[in-house]
């Protein structure tokens, strides 16, 4: 059953439908809000006028960058596990 999750960005509520686990959807939404707040505070230190669209784009790029880093780490880990498994199987088969 779909449930609605509401977050607040730039003083405005945004509601979206969570198709599965609501607690995970809320976690993701909170992560987004935190990243936007972090970017907004960084940019406000550099300029008195902050474009909301620029903040959203920077937050999206930061999140995408973290996603790609995690993907690479996951790929590297799978290669390590595969190599070690192959080595262990070779040793087991040799005995």
C-alpha atoms as a PDB file:
ATOM      1  CA  UNK A   1       0.000   0.000   0.000  1.00  0.00           C
ATOM      2  CA  UNK A   2       1.386   3.386  -1.008  1.00  0.00           C
ATOM      3  CA  UNK A   3       1.872   5.993   1.701  1.00  0.00           C
ATOM      4  CA  UNK A   4       2.656   9.682   1.445  1.00  0.00           C
ATOM      5  CA  UNK A   5       5.855  11.216   2.772  1.00  0.00           C
ATOM      6  CA  UNK A   6       6.250  14.979   3.131  1.00  0.00           C
ATOM      7  CA  UNK A   7       9.517  16.903   3.374  1.00  0.00           C
ATOM      8  CA  UNK A   8      10.167  20.615   3.574  1.00  0.00           C
ATOM      9  CA  UNK A   9      12.591  22.296   1.185  1.00  0.00           C
ATOM     10  CA  UNK A  10      13.158  26.047   1.098  1.00  0.00           C
ATOM     11  CA  UNK A  11      10.190  26.533   3.410  1.00  0.00           C
ATOM     12  CA  UNK A  12       7.771  24.640   1.161  1.00  0.00           C
ATOM     13  CA  UNK A  13       6.309  21.187   1.745  1.00  0.00           C
ATOM     14  CA  UNK A  14       6.830  18.533  -0.924  1.00  0.00           C
ATOM     15  CA  UNK A  15       4.847  15.307  -0.747  1.00  0.00           C
ATOM     16  CA  UNK A  16       5.698  12.118  -2.576  1.00  0.00           C
ATOM     17  CA  UNK A  17       4.364   8.597  -2.631  1.00  0.00           C
ATOM     18  CA  UNK A  18       6.398   5.835  -0.973  1.00  0.00           C
ATOM     19  CA  UNK A  19       5.639   2.613  -2.816  1.00  0.00           C
ATOM     20  CA  UNK A  20       7.384   0.321  -0.357  1.00  0.00           C
ATOM     21  CA  UNK A  21       9.059   0.842   3.012  1.00  0.00           C
ATOM     22  CA  UNK A  22       8.010   4.226   4.399  1.00  0.00           C
ATOM     23  CA  UNK A  23      10.836   4.348   6.928  1.00  0.00           C
ATOM     24  CA  UNK A  24      13.398   3.948   4.128  1.00  0.00           C
ATOM     25  CA  UNK A  25      11.643   6.609   2.067  1.00  0.00           C
ATOM     26  CA  UNK A  26      11.777   8.965   5.039  1.00  0.00           C
ATOM     27  CA  UNK A  27      15.476   8.192   5.537  1.00  0.00           C
ATOM     28  CA  UNK A  28      16.184   8.990   1.884  1.00  0.00           C
ATOM     29  CA  UNK A  29      14.137  12.185   2.088  1.00  0.00           C
ATOM     30  CA  UNK A  30      15.949  13.244   5.270  1.00  0.00           C
ATOM     31  CA  UNK A  31      19.285  12.564   3.585  1.00  0.00           C
ATOM     32  CA  UNK A  32      18.257  14.807   0.692  1.00  0.00           C
ATOM     33  CA  UNK A  33      17.151  17.583   3.043  1.00  0.00           C
ATOM     34  CA  UNK A  34      20.440  17.356   4.968  1.00  0.00           C
ATOM     35  CA  UNK A  35      22.503  17.499   1.776  1.00  0.00           C
ATOM     36  CA  UNK A  36      20.552  20.495   0.498  1.00  0.00           C
ATOM     37  CA  UNK A  37      21.002  22.249   3.853  1.00  0.00           C
ATOM     38  CA  UNK A  38      24.733  21.495   3.801  1.00  0.00           C
ATOM     39  CA  UNK A  39      25.142  22.883   0.270  1.00  0.00           C
ATOM     40  CA  UNK A  40      22.987  25.896   1.084  1.00  0.00           C
ATOM     41  CA  UNK A  41      25.121  26.756   4.109  1.00  0.00           C
ATOM     42  CA  UNK A  42      28.339  26.342   2.100  1.00  0.00           C
ATOM     43  CA  UNK A  43      27.067  28.579  -0.685  1.00  0.00           C
ATOM     44  CA  UNK A  44      25.650  31.185   1.695  1.00  0.00           C
ATOM     45  CA  UNK A  45      29.160  31.708   3.074  1.00  0.00           C
ATOM     46  CA  UNK A  46      30.337  32.626  -0.432  1.00  0.00           C
ATOM     47  CA  UNK A  47      27.461  34.780  -1.660  1.00  0.00           C
ATOM     48  CA  UNK A  48      24.560  36.707  -0.216  1.00  0.00           C
ATOM     49  CA  UNK A  49      22.243  35.695  -3.070  1.00  0.00           C
ATOM     50  CA  UNK A  50      21.675  31.983  -3.411  1.00  0.00           C
ATOM     51  CA  UNK A  51      19.912  30.485  -6.395  1.00  0.00           C
ATOM     52  CA  UNK A  52      17.689  27.599  -5.202  1.00  0.00           C
ATOM     53  CA  UNK A  53      18.161  25.782  -8.475  1.00  0.00           C
ATOM     54  CA  UNK A  54      21.959  25.933  -8.087  1.00  0.00           C
ATOM     55  CA  UNK A  55      21.639  24.523  -4.561  1.00  0.00           C
ATOM     56  CA  UNK A  56      19.490  21.641  -5.803  1.00  0.00           C
ATOM     57  CA  UNK A  57      21.871  20.903  -8.671  1.00  0.00           C
ATOM     58  CA  UNK A  58      24.928  20.936  -6.385  1.00  0.00           C
ATOM     59  CA  UNK A  59      23.173  18.652  -3.884  1.00  0.00           C
ATOM     60  CA  UNK A  60      22.184  16.275  -6.688  1.00  0.00           C
ATOM     61  CA  UNK A  61      25.744  16.225  -8.021  1.00  0.00           C
ATOM     62  CA  UNK A  62      27.134  15.535  -4.532  1.00  0.00           C
ATOM     63  CA  UNK A  63      24.684  12.663  -4.035  1.00  0.00           C
ATOM     64  CA  UNK A  64      25.423  11.270  -7.516  1.00  0.00           C
ATOM     65  CA  UNK A  65      29.157  11.463  -6.796  1.00  0.00           C
ATOM     66  CA  UNK A  66      28.720   9.518  -3.547  1.00  0.00           C
ATOM     67  CA  UNK A  67      26.576   6.963  -5.380  1.00  0.00           C
ATOM     68  CA  UNK A  68      29.262   6.396  -8.015  1.00  0.00           C
ATOM     69  CA  UNK A  69      31.946   6.079  -5.319  1.00  0.00           C
ATOM     70  CA  UNK A  70      29.837   3.460  -3.540  1.00  0.00           C
ATOM     71  CA  UNK A  71      29.271   1.616  -6.816  1.00  0.00           C
ATOM     72  CA  UNK A  72      33.026   1.494  -7.454  1.00  0.00           C
ATOM     73  CA  UNK A  73      33.754   0.301  -3.911  1.00  0.00           C
ATOM     74  CA  UNK A  74      31.109  -2.398  -4.309  1.00  0.00           C
ATOM     75  CA  UNK A  75      32.602  -3.483  -7.639  1.00  0.00           C
ATOM     76  CA  UNK A  76      36.096  -3.580  -6.101  1.00  0.00           C
ATOM     77  CA  UNK A  77      34.831  -5.606  -3.147  1.00  0.00           C
ATOM     78  CA  UNK A  78      33.119  -8.116  -5.455  1.00  0.00           C
ATOM     79  CA  UNK A  79      36.370  -8.555  -7.374  1.00  0.00           C
ATOM     80  CA  UNK A  80      38.296  -9.168  -4.141  1.00  0.00           C
ATOM     81  CA  UNK A  81      35.725 -11.696  -2.930  1.00  0.00           C
ATOM     82  CA  UNK A  82      35.707 -13.420  -6.321  1.00  0.00           C
ATOM     83  CA  UNK A  83      39.519 -13.624  -6.423  1.00  0.00           C
ATOM     84  CA  UNK A  84      39.729 -14.976  -2.880  1.00  0.00           C
ATOM     85  CA  UNK A  85      36.952 -17.482  -3.524  1.00  0.00           C
ATOM     86  CA  UNK A  86      38.676 -18.711  -6.663  1.00  0.00           C
ATOM     87  CA  UNK A  87      41.932 -19.105  -4.747  1.00  0.00           C
ATOM     88  CA  UNK A  88      40.258 -21.036  -1.947  1.00  0.00           C
ATOM     89  CA  UNK A  89      38.449 -23.307  -4.389  1.00  0.00           C
ATOM     90  CA  UNK A  90      41.701 -24.002  -6.226  1.00  0.00           C
ATOM     91  CA  UNK A  91      43.368 -24.972  -2.946  1.00  0.00           C
ATOM     92  CA  UNK A  92      40.443 -27.190  -1.956  1.00  0.00           C
ATOM     93  CA  UNK A  93      40.428 -28.915  -5.340  1.00  0.00           C
ATOM     94  CA  UNK A  94      44.199 -29.461  -5.172  1.00  0.00           C
ATOM     95  CA  UNK A  95      43.852 -31.418  -1.940  1.00  0.00           C
END
